[in-house]
Protein backbone atom coordinates (compact mmCIF):
# COMPACT_ATOMS: atom_id res chain seq x y z
CA PHE A 1 -11.14 -7.85 13.24
CA GLU A 2 -14.70 -7.33 14.24
CA VAL A 3 -14.75 -11.08 12.14
CA LEU A 4 -12.85 -12.37 14.69
CA CYS A 5 -12.60 -10.69 17.96
CA GLY A 6 -16.54 -10.24 17.51
CA VAL A 7 -16.35 -6.87 18.37
CA PRO A 8 -16.84 -3.57 16.45
CA SER A 9 -14.13 -1.13 15.63
CA LEU A 10 -13.79 1.92 16.98
CA ARG A 11 -10.41 3.27 14.58
CA LEU A 12 -8.81 4.30 17.64
CA PHE A 13 -5.49 3.46 15.53
CA GLY A 14 -7.06 3.63 12.42
CA LEU A 15 -6.75 -0.09 12.64
CA GLU A 16 -7.26 -2.07 15.83
CA PHE A 17 -4.58 -4.71 14.38
CA LEU A 18 -2.00 -1.33 14.45
CA GLY A 19 -2.93 -1.05 17.76
CA PHE A 20 -2.01 -4.96 19.59
CA SER A 21 1.37 -5.20 21.02
CA GLY A 22 1.14 -9.25 21.23
CA ALA A 23 -0.54 -9.81 24.58
CA ARG A 24 -3.16 -12.08 23.17
CA THR A 25 -6.76 -11.81 23.90
CA TYR A 26 -10.00 -13.05 23.26
CA CYS A 27 -10.53 -14.10 20.03
CA LEU A 28 -12.02 -16.61 17.86
CA PRO A 29 -8.39 -17.81 17.18
CA THR A 30 -7.63 -18.38 20.65
CA ILE A 31 -11.07 -19.62 21.87
CA LEU A 32 -10.70 -22.21 19.25
CA ASP A 33 -6.65 -23.10 20.14
CA GLU A 34 -8.30 -23.76 24.01
CA ALA A 35 -10.98 -26.42 22.98
CA GLY A 36 -8.15 -28.03 20.68
CA TYR A 37 -7.87 -26.74 17.63
CA GLN A 38 -4.98 -25.67 14.64
CA THR A 39 -5.35 -22.39 14.34
CA VAL A 40 -3.74 -21.48 10.80
CA LEU A 41 -3.23 -18.13 9.06
CA THR A 42 -1.76 -18.26 5.73
CA PHE A 43 -1.05 -14.14 4.35
CA PRO A 44 0.00 -13.57 1.47
CA HIS A 45 3.29 -11.14 2.51
CA GLY A 46 5.39 -10.45 4.29
CA PRO A 47 4.78 -9.60 8.77
CA LEU A 48 5.32 -5.65 8.40
CA PHE A 49 1.45 -5.43 6.62
CA PHE A 50 -0.45 -3.50 8.58
CA ASN A 51 1.13 -5.11 12.00
CA THR A 52 0.30 -8.08 11.60
CA ARG A 53 3.67 -9.73 13.92
CA ARG A 54 1.83 -8.77 17.11
CA ALA A 55 -1.23 -9.08 15.59
CA TYR A 56 -2.05 -11.92 14.31
CA PRO A 57 -0.43 -13.45 16.89
CA GLY A 58 -2.22 -11.60 19.98
CA LEU A 59 -4.81 -12.90 18.38
CA GLY A 60 -4.73 -16.36 19.00
CA PHE A 61 -3.06 -18.13 15.81
CA GLU A 62 -0.93 -20.73 16.31
CA GLN A 63 0.51 -20.55 12.91
CA VAL A 64 1.15 -17.90 10.64
CA ILE A 65 2.23 -18.22 6.73
CA TYR A 66 4.03 -15.71 5.46
CA ALA A 67 5.39 -15.72 1.49
CA ASP A 68 8.40 -16.80 0.92
CA ARG A 69 10.40 -13.83 0.52
CA TYR A 70 9.19 -12.37 4.30
CA SER A 71 9.86 -16.26 5.51
CA SER A 72 13.38 -18.29 7.32
CA PRO A 73 14.72 -20.32 5.59
CA GLY A 74 12.48 -23.66 5.51
CA ALA A 75 9.45 -22.36 7.42
CA PRO A 76 5.84 -22.90 5.69
CA SER A 77 5.62 -20.33 3.05
CA ILE A 78 3.32 -19.56 -0.30
CA ALA A 79 5.44 -18.79 -2.79
CA LEU A 80 5.14 -15.07 -3.89
CA GLY A 81 6.41 -15.86 -8.03
CA ASP A 82 7.77 -12.78 -9.35
CA GLN A 83 3.82 -11.64 -8.40
CA ASP A 84 3.98 -8.19 -4.97
CA TYR A 85 0.27 -8.92 -4.41
CA LEU A 86 -0.28 -12.97 -6.00
CA GLU A 87 -3.27 -14.12 -7.11
CA ASP A 88 -5.53 -15.80 -5.82
CA GLY A 89 -5.93 -18.96 -9.12
CA ASP A 90 -2.23 -19.10 -7.35
CA LEU A 91 -2.67 -18.67 -3.64
CA PHE A 92 -5.84 -21.29 -2.44
CA PRO A 93 -4.39 -24.01 -4.91
CA GLN A 94 -1.06 -23.87 -1.93
CA ASN A 95 -4.19 -22.75 0.71
CA LEU A 96 -5.45 -26.15 -0.31
CA ARG A 97 -2.70 -28.50 -0.30
CA GLN A 98 -1.99 -26.97 3.54
CA VAL A 99 -5.63 -27.69 3.82
CA GLN A 100 -5.22 -31.75 3.17
CA ALA A 101 -2.30 -31.69 5.30
CA LEU A 102 -4.36 -30.12 8.70
CA LEU A 103 -7.56 -32.50 7.70
CA LYS A 104 -4.75 -35.99 7.97
CA SER A 105 -3.48 -34.60 11.47
CA GLY A 106 -7.08 -35.44 12.34
CA ARG A 107 -7.38 -32.28 14.96
CA PRO A 108 -10.42 -30.35 13.77
CA PHE A 109 -8.90 -26.55 12.40
CA LEU A 110 -9.43 -23.85 11.91
CA ASN A 111 -7.53 -22.40 8.39
CA TYR A 112 -8.05 -18.29 7.52
CA VAL A 113 -6.24 -17.10 4.17
CA MET A 114 -6.49 -13.83 3.90
CA THR A 115 -6.55 -12.69 -0.04
CA MET A 116 -4.29 -9.19 -1.28
CA TYR A 117 -4.64 -9.91 -4.85
CA GLY A 118 -6.60 -6.94 -6.37
CA HIS A 119 -4.34 -3.88 -4.72
CA TRP A 120 -3.82 -0.72 -7.14
CA PRO A 121 -2.19 -0.65 -9.33
CA PHE A 122 -4.87 -3.59 -11.23
CA ASP A 123 -2.34 -6.00 -12.37
CA ILE A 124 -3.11 -8.15 -14.64
CA ASP A 125 -0.63 -10.34 -16.35
CA THR A 126 -2.95 -10.36 -19.96
CA ARG A 127 -0.52 -13.18 -21.21
CA ARG A 128 -2.14 -15.66 -18.82
CA HIS A 129 -5.52 -13.69 -18.28
CA PRO A 130 -6.66 -12.55 -21.07
CA LEU A 131 -9.12 -9.08 -20.76
CA GLU A 132 -12.66 -10.02 -21.73
CA ILE A 133 -14.04 -7.42 -20.17
CA SER A 134 -14.86 -3.77 -21.38
CA VAL A 135 -16.42 -1.16 -20.25
CA THR A 136 -18.31 1.78 -21.07
CA PRO A 137 -16.76 4.84 -20.10
CA ALA A 138 -13.84 3.34 -21.23
CA HIS A 139 -12.11 3.63 -17.64
CA ASP A 140 -8.69 1.69 -17.90
CA ASP A 141 -8.53 1.50 -14.28
CA LEU A 142 -12.26 -0.40 -14.30
CA ARG A 143 -11.66 -2.33 -16.80
CA LYS A 144 -8.73 -4.10 -15.44
CA ILE A 145 -10.87 -4.09 -11.06
CA ALA A 146 -13.54 -5.82 -12.89
CA ASN A 147 -11.46 -8.30 -15.23
CA GLN A 148 -9.44 -8.54 -12.02
CA MET A 149 -13.33 -9.87 -10.09
CA LEU A 150 -13.88 -12.38 -13.11
CA LEU A 151 -10.43 -13.50 -12.32
CA ARG A 152 -10.84 -14.04 -8.30
CA THR A 153 -14.32 -14.89 -8.11
CA ARG A 154 -13.70 -18.21 -10.67
CA ALA A 155 -10.23 -18.97 -8.61
CA LEU A 156 -12.81 -19.38 -5.56
CA ARG A 157 -15.49 -20.94 -7.82
CA ALA A 158 -13.11 -23.81 -8.19
CA HIS A 159 -11.13 -23.33 -4.78
CA LEU A 160 -14.69 -23.46 -2.46
CA ARG A 161 -15.56 -26.97 -4.48
CA ALA A 162 -11.97 -28.28 -4.17
CA LEU A 163 -12.90 -27.27 -0.08
CA ILE A 164 -15.86 -29.14 -0.19
CA ALA A 165 -14.92 -32.32 -2.14
CA ALA A 166 -11.31 -32.98 0.20
CA ASP A 167 -14.19 -31.82 3.86
CA PRO A 168 -17.34 -31.98 3.64
CA GLY A 169 -18.06 -31.61 6.97
CA GLY A 170 -15.88 -27.91 7.11
CA ILE A 171 -17.80 -24.25 7.91
CA ILE A 172 -16.97 -22.34 5.17
CA ILE A 173 -16.78 -18.42 6.51
CA LEU A 174 -15.96 -16.03 3.45
CA VAL A 175 -16.01 -11.83 4.37
CA GLY A 176 -15.86 -9.65 1.82
CA ASP A 177 -13.41 -6.13 2.52
CA HIS A 178 -13.92 -2.77 0.77
CA LEU A 179 -14.27 -1.77 -2.88
CA PRO A 180 -10.36 -1.32 -4.97
CA PRO A 181 -9.68 2.36 -4.24
CA LEU A 182 -10.18 4.26 -7.68
CA PRO A 183 -7.73 7.10 -8.42
CA GLY A 184 -10.12 9.45 -7.35
CA GLY A 185 -11.83 7.43 -5.03
CA LYS A 186 -15.53 8.28 -3.58
CA GLU A 187 -15.61 11.17 -6.73
CA ASP A 188 -14.45 8.36 -9.00
CA TYR A 189 -17.12 5.74 -8.19
CA LEU A 190 -20.29 8.88 -8.33
CA ARG A 191 -18.88 10.17 -11.29
CA LEU A 192 -19.78 6.41 -12.85
CA GLY A 193 -22.84 6.03 -11.47
CA TYR A 194 -22.02 3.76 -8.33
CA GLY A 195 -24.39 6.25 -5.85
CA GLU A 196 -25.66 9.39 -5.58
CA ARG A 197 -24.09 13.13 -4.91
CA GLU A 198 -26.65 13.93 -2.94
CA GLY A 199 -26.12 12.39 0.76
CA LEU A 200 -23.97 10.06 -0.02
CA THR A 201 -22.45 8.80 3.15
CA LYS A 202 -20.74 5.46 1.30
CA LEU A 203 -21.00 2.85 -1.56
CA PRO A 204 -24.13 1.14 -1.92
CA SER A 205 -24.08 -1.82 0.15
CA ASP A 206 -24.99 -4.46 -2.76
CA LEU A 207 -21.47 -2.63 -4.24
CA VAL A 208 -19.24 -3.75 -0.64
């Protein structure tokens, strides 16, 4: 919300997206749309997640591409396969094909991609991605998170290189959301040595 609308979140509804009615707002996608841009959002999940059915059109996106199991037959979609939260390494190549099609259209565009991989229970298909990182002290979820971050970093690096090759003049902005929530919440991170117990109101900025 803050990135797309340029104003701080007041958390009046817990999350601003939950308060959207679908009415158009003067946020970045709307501004770009009025300037002649194509505004496309790729969201590899369903339209009921965080009120996206109303929030994303309200933000001004001309097209929202959901996962195939939540899309109408024949509509542009992202193939989930058997995953609930699509791995970035499977999402980004699909998005690259969308970018290549947008480039061929000749119109400037906003390609906004929301990645969802990394949610609890931090599943990793170890047949495809054997775990490469171990952690001390032993913590199963933390080990999965560390290995997921390795996979995500590799996928992101490959995608950035592909985007730059496809559109050398494009502007790329990366935004992180939050740390993966361990079962014990903040206390798990404190116990593992991330941050000080006294006076800690949020995790250190280099972990966010």
